[in-house]
């Protein structure tokens, strides 16, 4: 077996890279579809890792082939580039883990900077030590790969495994219990991949693992590329199963659209029945009573009858108003924007807040869910009320961005921030905001700033069209007191 793998080493390494490239491609193809789950939004980082890992692995095939045709200096340069790419690849795995853990944005940025700093430190230390000890380019590349795998890849895989395990709760809450086992299996594979990366390393001046790849091959007869490739293949299959989340969410949105259409039809029928039946009956009764009241102006009973006629007219007006509400037109991007501008003007005039409303992408908006305008307005109202109660005199930016597959609302202030202890209603208001976002199929995040608070709402839209339009510039409207 060892002889077989040795004779077909190029094919084995190429297949290893192909598996990871397939994993990255499968996720990239689904990137254009909106989702309200952190898991599916974080998978793009797994795709980036898999794609970069594929190219780094293919370097082990490409570079040896070029040695017969290229200058030794160029070959050394390619090996150095491969080492840089391999180390950067592991940073992408760390990013995947950080996204899955749903950390505070400030902490996540700090950890991201730390991972990039570690990458730079490994590269810099490798250059200094390699120059002092006269390493060849291949020795430098292998040494950097070993240390980066131990410091970054293992850490990233462990973080991703923990995050993937925690995402099982979000899947259950979203009604996707059938996908939970795939998330658990993915966590197990990531732990296995971390174990391989920590234990088995390439023979090099820096070899911090337990066993080298050459020693592993002599013991088992199976190259590490085969083991890693199989792990990547399992990850590819599991990722395909996890991507069923997009189909599940699309079905949920279609079901919600059908329910909304059925409700709209029922509202229209109810409005017709009220107009053609109830209102006409009340109107006819009012006419008869009015005819009775006109028989005598002096009779006290006629005066009472005229009062009843007036009450019936008020009832008729109320029913007509109710029918108008039933026939309310669907939300539009421009209509939602106008409502938020009016709300911002109201708070700017009546509170200590200076409110700016920014709107982008109205023309690019996809189909908007029924009732989204009402929910978004109430979320903004609650956010502005919290800022007025807790942030003091400050400025508030309300940013509303429409795209073909998503609505994003961001409300940020530069005040003191939200404090729950002094106002029990604040916690209830935040829960209501989360619930409104959930009802629209989206998610809401509250982030503490220094100073201030930021509230971000992301609402997926039912659109399968790729967003080929450029990102529009915000048009801002300053609301003056």
Protein backbone atom coordinates (compact mmCIF):
# COMPACT_ATOMS: atom_id res chain seq x y z
CA UNK A 1 0.00 0.00 0.00
CA UNK A 2 2.81 2.38 0.86
CA UNK A 3 4.35 1.74 -2.54
CA UNK A 4 1.01 2.41 -4.26
CA UNK A 5 0.57 5.76 -2.57
CA UNK A 6 4.20 6.65 -3.20
CA UNK A 7 3.82 5.99 -6.92
CA UNK A 8 0.60 8.00 -7.09
CA UNK A 9 1.57 10.80 -4.71
CA UNK A 10 0.79 13.51 -7.25
CA UNK A 11 -2.73 12.16 -7.79
CA UNK A 12 -3.29 11.87 -4.02
CA UNK A 13 -2.21 15.46 -3.37
CA UNK A 14 -4.29 16.75 -6.30
CA UNK A 15 -7.36 14.86 -5.03
CA UNK A 16 -6.75 16.33 -1.57
CA UNK A 17 -6.87 19.84 -3.03
CA UNK A 18 -9.84 19.00 -5.27
CA UNK A 19 -11.94 17.92 -2.28
CA UNK A 20 -11.38 21.22 -0.51
CA UNK A 21 -11.95 23.19 -3.70
CA UNK A 22 -15.30 21.39 -4.14
CA UNK A 23 -16.21 22.27 -0.55
CA UNK A 24 -15.44 25.94 -1.14
CA UNK A 25 -17.27 26.02 -4.47
CA UNK A 26 -20.41 24.39 -3.03
CA UNK A 27 -20.71 27.08 -0.36
CA UNK A 28 -19.75 29.96 -2.67
CA UNK A 29 -22.55 29.05 -5.08
CA UNK A 30 -25.09 29.49 -2.26
CA UNK A 31 -23.60 32.76 -0.99
CA UNK A 32 -26.07 34.97 -2.90
CA UNK A 33 -29.01 33.58 -0.95
CA UNK A 34 -30.05 35.42 2.20
CA UNK A 35 -30.43 33.66 5.51
CA UNK A 36 -31.35 34.71 9.03
CA UNK A 37 -29.10 32.08 10.71
CA UNK A 38 -25.59 32.83 11.90
CA UNK A 39 -24.48 29.35 10.80
CA UNK A 40 -25.24 29.81 7.13
CA UNK A 41 -23.80 33.33 7.08
CA UNK A 42 -20.59 32.06 8.69
CA UNK A 43 -20.16 29.24 6.15
CA UNK A 44 -18.66 31.73 3.70
CA UNK A 45 -15.53 31.74 5.87
CA UNK A 46 -15.37 27.95 5.67
CA UNK A 47 -15.61 28.31 1.89
CA UNK A 48 -12.78 30.84 1.89
CA UNK A 49 -10.65 28.50 4.01
CA UNK A 50 -11.39 25.50 1.79
CA UNK A 51 -10.63 27.40 -1.43
CA UNK A 52 -7.35 28.80 -0.11
CA UNK A 53 -6.41 25.38 1.28
CA UNK A 54 -7.03 23.83 -2.13
CA UNK A 55 -4.65 26.24 -3.88
CA UNK A 56 -2.03 25.86 -1.14
CA UNK A 57 -2.24 22.06 -1.49
CA UNK A 58 -2.06 22.20 -5.28
CA UNK A 59 1.18 24.12 -4.84
CA UNK A 60 2.71 20.82 -3.73
CA UNK A 61 1.90 19.49 -7.21
CA UNK A 62 2.57 22.59 -9.29
CA UNK A 63 5.91 23.67 -7.81
CA UNK A 64 7.74 20.30 -8.20
CA UNK A 65 6.58 20.14 -11.83
CA UNK A 66 7.99 23.62 -12.51
CA UNK A 67 11.38 22.82 -11.01
CA UNK A 68 12.46 21.34 -14.35
CA UNK A 69 11.52 24.50 -16.26
CA UNK A 70 12.03 27.48 -13.94
CA UNK A 71 15.00 29.13 -12.32
CA UNK A 72 15.80 28.05 -8.76
CA UNK A 73 15.23 31.59 -7.52
CA UNK A 74 11.71 31.63 -8.92
CA UNK A 75 11.02 28.22 -7.39
CA UNK A 76 12.16 29.53 -4.02
CA UNK A 77 9.86 32.52 -4.45
CA UNK A 78 6.92 30.22 -5.20
CA UNK A 79 7.67 28.15 -2.10
CA UNK A 80 7.74 31.30 0.03
CA UNK A 81 4.40 32.40 -1.45
CA UNK A 82 2.99 28.98 -0.68
CA UNK A 83 4.09 29.30 2.95
CA UNK A 84 2.45 32.72 3.21
CA UNK A 85 -0.78 31.37 1.68
CA UNK A 86 -0.88 28.33 3.96
CA UNK A 87 -0.48 30.46 7.07
CA UNK A 88 -3.14 32.94 5.84
CA UNK A 89 -5.47 30.02 5.14
CA UNK A 90 -5.45 29.10 8.81
CA UNK A 91 -6.47 32.67 9.74
CA UNK A 92 -9.63 32.13 7.67
CA UNK A 93 -10.50 29.07 9.77
CA UNK A 94 -10.15 31.22 12.90
CA UNK A 95 -12.59 33.70 11.36
CA UNK A 96 -15.05 30.89 10.71
CA UNK A 97 -14.91 29.90 14.36
CA UNK A 98 -15.28 33.47 15.61
CA UNK A 99 -18.41 34.02 13.47
CA UNK A 100 -20.03 30.84 14.73
CA UNK A 101 -19.47 31.82 18.36
CA UNK A 102 -21.55 35.03 17.90
CA UNK A 103 -19.15 37.15 19.92
CA UNK A 104 -19.55 40.84 20.57
CA UNK A 105 -18.44 42.74 17.49
CA UNK A 106 -15.74 44.62 19.37
CA UNK A 107 -14.30 41.42 20.87
CA UNK A 108 -14.49 39.68 17.51
CA UNK A 109 -12.55 42.48 15.84
CA UNK A 110 -9.93 42.34 18.57
CA UNK A 111 -9.53 38.57 18.17
CA UNK A 112 -9.38 38.96 14.39
CA UNK A 113 -6.58 41.49 14.75
CA UNK A 114 -4.85 39.14 17.19
CA UNK A 115 -5.00 36.23 14.72
CA UNK A 116 -3.58 38.41 11.95
CA UNK A 117 -0.88 39.59 14.35
CA UNK A 118 0.03 35.99 15.19
CA UNK A 119 0.23 35.26 11.46
CA UNK A 120 2.59 38.17 10.99
CA UNK A 121 4.63 37.17 14.04
CA UNK A 122 5.07 33.62 12.72
CA UNK A 123 6.15 34.91 9.31
CA UNK A 124 8.55 37.44 10.84
CA UNK A 125 10.05 34.93 13.28
CA UNK A 126 10.45 32.43 10.46
CA UNK A 127 12.33 34.99 8.37
CA UNK A 128 14.67 35.92 11.24
CA UNK A 129 15.38 32.36 12.39
CA UNK A 130 15.56 31.00 8.86
CA UNK A 131 18.08 33.63 7.86
CA UNK A 132 20.18 32.99 10.98
CA UNK A 133 20.18 29.20 10.47
CA UNK A 134 20.43 29.35 6.66
CA UNK A 135 17.20 27.50 5.92
CA UNK A 136 16.29 26.72 2.35
CA UNK A 137 13.02 28.07 1.00
CA UNK A 138 11.33 24.66 1.35
CA UNK A 139 12.55 24.36 4.96
CA UNK A 140 11.19 27.82 5.71
CA UNK A 141 7.84 27.01 4.07
CA UNK A 142 7.45 23.73 5.97
CA UNK A 143 8.48 25.30 9.28
CA UNK A 144 6.05 28.20 8.92
CA UNK A 145 3.29 25.78 7.93
CA UNK A 146 3.91 23.63 11.02
CA UNK A 147 3.87 26.51 13.50
CA UNK A 148 0.92 28.27 11.86
CA UNK A 149 -1.07 25.02 11.87
CA UNK A 150 -0.42 24.53 15.57
CA UNK A 151 -1.15 28.13 16.58
CA UNK A 152 -3.92 29.08 14.12
CA UNK A 153 -5.45 26.04 12.42
CA UNK A 154 -5.89 24.03 15.60
CA UNK A 155 -7.33 27.06 17.40
CA UNK A 156 -9.66 27.82 14.51
CA UNK A 157 -10.92 24.25 14.25
CA UNK A 158 -11.61 24.06 17.99
CA UNK A 159 -13.45 27.41 17.96
CA UNK A 160 -15.44 26.34 14.90
CA UNK A 161 -16.33 23.01 16.51
CA UNK A 162 -17.59 24.75 19.67
CA UNK A 163 -19.53 27.26 17.61
CA UNK A 164 -21.01 24.57 15.38
CA UNK A 165 -22.15 22.62 18.45
CA UNK A 166 -23.81 25.74 19.89
CA UNK A 167 -25.60 26.44 16.61
CA UNK A 168 -27.66 23.29 17.16
CA UNK A 169 -29.87 25.35 19.46
CA UNK A 170 -30.49 27.95 16.75
CA UNK A 171 -31.39 25.17 14.31
CA UNK A 172 -33.91 23.75 16.78
CA UNK A 173 -35.42 27.18 17.39
CA UNK A 174 -35.81 27.63 13.63
CA UNK A 175 -37.63 24.29 13.30
CA UNK A 176 -34.70 22.53 11.60
CA UNK A 177 -34.21 19.63 13.98
CA UNK A 178 -33.41 17.34 11.09
CA UNK A 179 -30.25 19.36 10.33
CA UNK A 180 -28.98 19.33 13.93
CA UNK A 181 -27.13 15.99 13.58
CA UNK A 182 -25.17 17.34 10.61
CA UNK A 183 -24.01 20.30 12.69
CA UNK A 184 -22.89 17.92 15.45
CA UNK A 185 -21.08 15.70 12.92
CA UNK A 186 -19.36 18.76 11.44
CA UNK A 187 -18.13 19.72 14.92
CA UNK A 188 -16.71 16.21 15.36
CA UNK A 189 -14.89 16.32 12.00
CA UNK A 190 -13.41 19.73 12.86
CA UNK A 191 -12.08 18.35 16.15
CA UNK A 192 -10.60 15.39 14.26
CA UNK A 193 -8.97 17.75 11.75
CA UNK A 194 -7.52 19.82 14.60
CA UNK A 195 -6.11 16.65 16.20
CA UNK A 196 -4.41 15.60 12.97
CA UNK A 197 -2.94 19.07 12.49
CA UNK A 198 -1.61 19.16 16.05
CA UNK A 199 -0.11 15.66 16.09
CA UNK A 200 1.23 15.07 12.56
CA UNK A 201 3.58 17.69 11.08
CA UNK A 202 5.93 18.02 8.14
CA UNK A 203 9.57 17.19 8.74
CA UNK A 204 11.30 20.56 9.08
CA UNK A 205 13.57 22.56 11.43
CA UNK A 206 10.40 23.70 13.20
CA UNK A 207 8.35 20.54 13.85
CA UNK A 208 6.28 21.08 17.03
CA UNK A 209 4.01 18.05 16.54
CA UNK A 210 4.23 14.55 17.97
CA UNK A 211 5.09 12.72 14.76
CA UNK A 212 6.26 13.70 11.29
CA UNK A 213 4.37 12.87 8.13
CA UNK A 214 7.20 10.59 6.94
CA UNK A 215 7.11 8.63 10.20
CA UNK A 216 3.31 8.39 9.97
CA UNK A 217 3.59 6.99 6.46
CA UNK A 218 6.12 4.38 7.54
CA UNK A 219 3.88 3.32 10.44
CA UNK A 220 0.52 3.19 8.65
CA UNK A 221 1.35 3.12 4.96
CA UNK A 222 -1.25 5.85 4.41
CA UNK A 223 -0.17 9.42 3.58
CA UNK A 224 -1.54 12.22 5.74
CA UNK A 225 -2.96 13.77 2.54
CA UNK A 226 -5.33 10.82 2.28
CA UNK A 227 -6.54 11.25 5.87
CA UNK A 228 -6.95 15.02 5.47
CA UNK A 229 -8.62 14.54 2.10
CA UNK A 230 -11.13 12.09 3.60
CA UNK A 231 -11.85 14.56 6.41
CA UNK A 232 -12.35 17.26 3.79
CA UNK A 233 -14.66 14.96 1.83
CA UNK A 234 -16.79 14.35 4.92
CA UNK A 235 -16.87 18.10 5.54
CA UNK A 236 -17.97 18.61 1.94
CA UNK A 237 -20.86 16.17 2.35
CA UNK A 238 -21.88 17.68 5.68
CA UNK A 239 -21.69 21.21 4.24
CA UNK A 240 -24.03 20.12 1.45
CA UNK A 241 -26.47 18.91 4.10
CA UNK A 242 -26.11 22.14 6.07
CA UNK A 243 -26.81 24.11 2.90
CA UNK A 244 -30.28 22.55 2.92
CA UNK A 245 -30.99 25.32 5.42
CA UNK A 246 -31.35 27.68 2.44
CA UNK A 247 -34.01 25.44 0.90
CA UNK A 248 -35.79 25.12 4.23
CA UNK A 249 -35.83 28.88 4.72
CA UNK A 250 -36.97 29.43 1.13
CA UNK A 251 -39.86 27.04 1.77
CA UNK A 252 -40.70 28.92 4.97
CA UNK A 253 -40.78 32.21 3.06
CA UNK A 254 -42.96 30.70 0.32
CA UNK A 255 -45.34 29.32 2.96
CA UNK A 256 -45.42 32.72 4.65
CA UNK A 257 -46.12 34.37 1.30
CA UNK A 258 -48.98 31.97 0.62
CA UNK A 259 -50.40 32.59 4.09
CA UNK A 260 -50.13 36.33 3.52
CA UNK A 261 -51.89 35.99 0.17
CA UNK A 262 -54.66 33.90 1.74
CA UNK A 263 -55.05 36.45 4.55
CA UNK A 264 -55.18 39.29 2.01
CA UNK A 265 -57.87 37.50 0.02
CA UNK A 266 -59.86 36.85 3.19
CA UNK A 267 -59.51 40.48 4.24
CA UNK A 268 -60.72 41.60 0.81
CA UNK A 269 -63.73 39.25 0.98
CA UNK A 270 -64.53 40.40 4.50
CA UNK A 271 -64.32 44.03 3.38
CA UNK A 272 -66.69 43.39 0.45
CA UNK A 273 -69.18 41.65 2.72
CA UNK A 274 -69.11 44.53 5.17
CA UNK A 275 -69.54 47.11 2.43
CA UNK A 276 -72.18 45.34 0.38
CA UNK A 277 -74.10 43.78 3.27
CA UNK A 278 -73.63 45.27 6.72
CA UNK A 279 -73.19 48.91 5.73
CA UNK A 280 -76.14 48.81 3.33
CA UNK A 281 -78.39 47.26 5.98
CA UNK A 282 -77.38 49.87 8.55
CA UNK A 283 -77.85 52.63 5.98
CA UNK A 284 -81.33 51.36 5.07
CA UNK A 285 -82.31 51.18 8.75
CA UNK A 286 -81.01 54.71 9.29
CA UNK A 287 -83.08 56.01 6.37
CA UNK A 288 -86.26 54.47 7.79
CA UNK A 289 -85.57 55.93 11.23
CA UNK A 290 -84.85 59.32 9.69
CA UNK A 291 -88.14 59.20 7.83
CA UNK A 292 -89.91 58.54 11.13
CA UNK A 293 -88.06 61.42 12.82
CA UNK A 294 -89.13 63.88 10.11
CA UNK A 295 -92.83 63.35 10.79
CA UNK A 296 -92.77 65.76 13.72
CA UNK A 297 -90.09 68.14 14.95
CA UNK A 298 -91.82 68.68 18.33
CA UNK A 299 -92.18 65.08 19.38
CA UNK A 300 -89.44 64.19 21.97
CA UNK A 301 -89.40 60.65 20.63
CA UNK A 302 -88.48 61.94 17.16
CA UNK A 303 -85.52 63.80 18.68
CA UNK A 304 -84.36 60.52 20.24
CA UNK A 305 -84.74 58.80 16.89
CA UNK A 306 -82.60 61.48 15.22
CA UNK A 307 -79.94 60.83 17.83
CA UNK A 308 -80.01 57.11 17.00
CA UNK A 309 -79.68 57.99 13.30
CA UNK A 310 -76.56 60.03 14.12
CA UNK A 311 -75.09 57.09 16.06
CA UNK A 312 -75.75 54.77 13.13
CA UNK A 313 -73.99 57.19 10.81
CA UNK A 314 -70.96 57.14 13.12
CA UNK A 315 -71.00 53.33 13.10
CA UNK A 316 -71.12 53.38 9.31
CA UNK A 317 -68.12 55.73 9.18
CA UNK A 318 -66.20 53.47 11.57
CA UNK A 319 -66.91 50.41 9.43
CA UNK A 320 -65.81 52.25 6.29
CA UNK A 321 -62.56 53.20 8.05
CA UNK A 322 -62.11 49.56 9.07
CA UNK A 323 -62.65 48.46 5.46
CA UNK A 324 -60.01 50.96 4.34
CA UNK A 325 -57.56 49.46 6.84
CA UNK A 326 -58.35 45.97 5.55
CA UNK A 327 -57.52 47.11 2.01
CA UNK A 328 -54.20 48.62 3.03
CA UNK A 329 -51.67 48.37 0.20
CA UNK A 330 -48.55 46.20 0.65
CA UNK A 331 -45.39 47.76 2.04
CA UNK A 332 -42.96 49.31 -0.43
CA UNK A 333 -39.35 50.35 0.03
CA UNK A 334 -40.16 54.03 -0.52
CA UNK A 335 -43.16 53.83 1.82
CA UNK A 336 -41.06 52.30 4.62
CA UNK A 337 -38.37 54.95 4.09
CA UNK A 338 -40.95 57.74 4.33
CA UNK A 339 -42.37 56.32 7.55
CA UNK A 340 -38.92 56.21 9.16
CA UNK A 341 -38.14 59.76 8.03
CA UNK A 342 -41.40 60.97 9.60
CA UNK A 343 -40.62 59.09 12.80
CA UNK A 344 -37.11 60.56 12.89
CA UNK A 345 -38.52 64.06 12.42
CA UNK A 346 -40.95 63.47 15.29
CA UNK A 347 -38.21 62.44 17.74
CA UNK A 348 -35.85 65.16 16.55
CA UNK A 349 -38.48 67.81 17.25
CA UNK A 350 -39.81 66.47 20.55
CA UNK A 351 -36.72 65.03 22.30
CA UNK A 352 -33.08 65.84 23.01
CA UNK A 353 -31.99 63.60 20.14
CA UNK A 354 -30.58 64.86 16.87
CA UNK A 355 -31.76 62.25 14.37
CA UNK A 356 -30.37 61.63 10.90
CA UNK A 357 -32.13 59.17 8.59
CA UNK A 358 -30.14 57.62 5.72
CA UNK A 359 -31.75 55.45 3.03
CA UNK A 360 -30.04 53.45 0.26
CA UNK A 361 -31.05 51.00 -2.47
CA UNK A 362 -34.78 51.72 -2.75
CA UNK A 363 -34.80 50.83 -6.45
CA UNK A 364 -32.88 47.59 -5.83
CA UNK A 365 -35.24 46.20 -3.17
CA UNK A 366 -36.63 42.69 -3.51
CA UNK A 367 -40.19 41.69 -2.50
CA UNK A 368 -40.90 43.03 1.00
CA UNK A 369 -42.63 40.78 3.58
CA UNK A 370 -46.16 41.67 4.67
CA UNK A 371 -46.10 43.94 7.70
CA UNK A 372 -42.36 44.67 7.48
CA UNK A 373 -43.00 48.41 7.46
CA UNK A 374 -44.96 48.28 10.70
CA UNK A 375 -42.37 46.12 12.44
CA UNK A 376 -39.40 48.19 11.28
CA UNK A 377 -41.10 51.40 12.35
CA UNK A 378 -41.81 49.99 15.82
CA UNK A 379 -38.21 48.75 16.14
CA UNK A 380 -36.90 52.22 15.26
CA UNK A 381 -39.43 53.83 17.63
CA UNK A 382 -38.29 51.58 20.49
CA UNK A 383 -34.61 52.21 19.68
CA UNK A 384 -35.14 55.98 19.64
CA UNK A 385 -37.17 55.81 22.85
CA UNK A 386 -34.35 53.87 24.55
CA UNK A 387 -31.83 56.44 23.34
CA UNK A 388 -34.01 59.29 24.61
CA UNK A 389 -34.40 57.64 28.03
CA UNK A 390 -30.86 56.37 28.56
CA UNK A 391 -28.38 58.01 26.19
CA UNK A 392 -29.03 61.65 27.09
CA UNK A 393 -28.47 64.46 24.60
CA UNK A 394 -26.82 62.75 21.63
CA UNK A 395 -26.96 62.14 17.90
CA UNK A 396 -28.69 59.09 16.41
CA UNK A 397 -28.06 57.71 12.92
CA UNK A 398 -30.80 55.57 11.37
CA UNK A 399 -29.51 53.74 8.29
CA UNK A 400 -31.89 51.73 6.11
CA UNK A 401 -30.40 49.80 3.17
CA UNK A 402 -32.41 47.75 0.67
CA UNK A 403 -30.98 45.00 -1.56
CA UNK A 404 -32.48 42.30 -3.77
CA UNK A 405 -32.17 39.72 -1.00
CA UNK A 406 -32.03 41.68 2.26
CA UNK A 407 -33.10 44.73 4.23
CA UNK A 408 -30.60 46.03 6.76
CA UNK A 409 -31.54 48.57 9.43
CA UNK A 410 -28.88 50.08 11.70
CA UNK A 411 -29.71 52.49 14.54
CA UNK A 412 -26.64 53.86 16.33
CA UNK A 413 -26.14 56.63 18.87
CA UNK A 414 -23.16 58.20 20.60
CA UNK A 415 -24.75 58.54 24.04
CA UNK A 416 -24.32 56.70 27.32
CA UNK A 417 -25.83 53.45 26.05
CA UNK A 418 -28.71 51.30 27.23
CA UNK A 419 -28.85 50.51 30.94
CA UNK A 420 -31.38 47.90 31.99
CA UNK A 421 -31.08 48.21 35.75
CA UNK A 422 -32.76 51.59 36.09
CA UNK A 423 -35.69 50.83 33.79
CA UNK A 424 -37.24 47.35 33.74
CA UNK A 425 -39.21 48.28 30.61
CA UNK A 426 -35.98 48.56 28.61
CA UNK A 427 -35.44 44.80 28.74
CA UNK A 428 -39.02 44.20 27.64
CA UNK A 429 -38.58 46.65 24.78
CA UNK A 430 -35.48 44.82 23.55
CA UNK A 431 -37.29 41.49 23.74
CA UNK A 432 -40.12 42.96 21.68
CA UNK A 433 -37.62 44.20 19.10
CA UNK A 434 -36.05 40.74 18.87
CA UNK A 435 -39.52 39.22 18.47
CA UNK A 436 -40.46 41.65 15.70
CA UNK A 437 -37.25 40.82 13.83
CA UNK A 438 -37.96 37.12 14.26
CA UNK A 439 -41.49 37.52 12.91
CA UNK A 440 -40.00 38.98 9.73
CA UNK A 441 -37.66 36.00 9.45
CA UNK A 442 -34.64 38.09 10.41
CA UNK A 443 -32.33 38.70 13.33
CA UNK A 444 -31.46 41.62 15.59
CA UNK A 445 -28.12 42.37 17.25
CA UNK A 446 -27.44 44.90 19.99
CA UNK A 447 -23.83 46.08 20.28
CA UNK A 448 -22.34 48.33 22.96
CA UNK A 449 -20.08 51.03 21.54
CA UNK A 450 -17.65 53.42 23.16
CA UNK A 451 -19.68 55.50 23.50
CA UNK A 452 -23.20 54.59 22.54
CA UNK A 453 -25.22 51.65 21.29
CA UNK A 454 -25.81 50.11 17.88
CA UNK A 455 -28.86 48.03 16.91
CA UNK A 456 -28.64 46.05 13.67
CA UNK A 457 -31.60 44.32 12.04
CA UNK A 458 -31.15 42.06 8.99
CA UNK A 459 -34.27 40.88 7.14
CA UNK A 460 -33.90 38.32 4.30
CA UNK A 461 -36.09 38.90 1.25
CA UNK A 462 -37.59 36.23 -0.97
CA UNK A 463 -35.37 36.72 -4.02
CA UNK A 464 -33.22 34.23 -5.92
CA UNK A 465 -31.76 36.88 -8.23
CA UNK A 466 -28.07 37.68 -7.79
CA UNK A 467 -27.46 41.23 -6.73
CA UNK A 468 -25.57 42.60 -9.72
CA UNK A 469 -26.33 46.24 -9.00
CA UNK A 470 -23.58 48.37 -7.44
CA UNK A 471 -23.91 49.34 -3.81
CA UNK A 472 -25.80 52.64 -3.79
CA UNK A 473 -24.63 55.72 -1.94
CA UNK A 474 -26.69 56.75 1.07
CA UNK A 475 -28.95 59.73 0.67
CA UNK A 476 -29.23 61.45 4.00
CA UNK A 477 -32.01 63.62 5.32
CA UNK A 478 -31.26 65.80 8.31
CA UNK A 479 -34.27 66.40 10.45
CA UNK A 480 -34.11 69.82 12.01
CA UNK A 481 -35.87 70.66 15.28
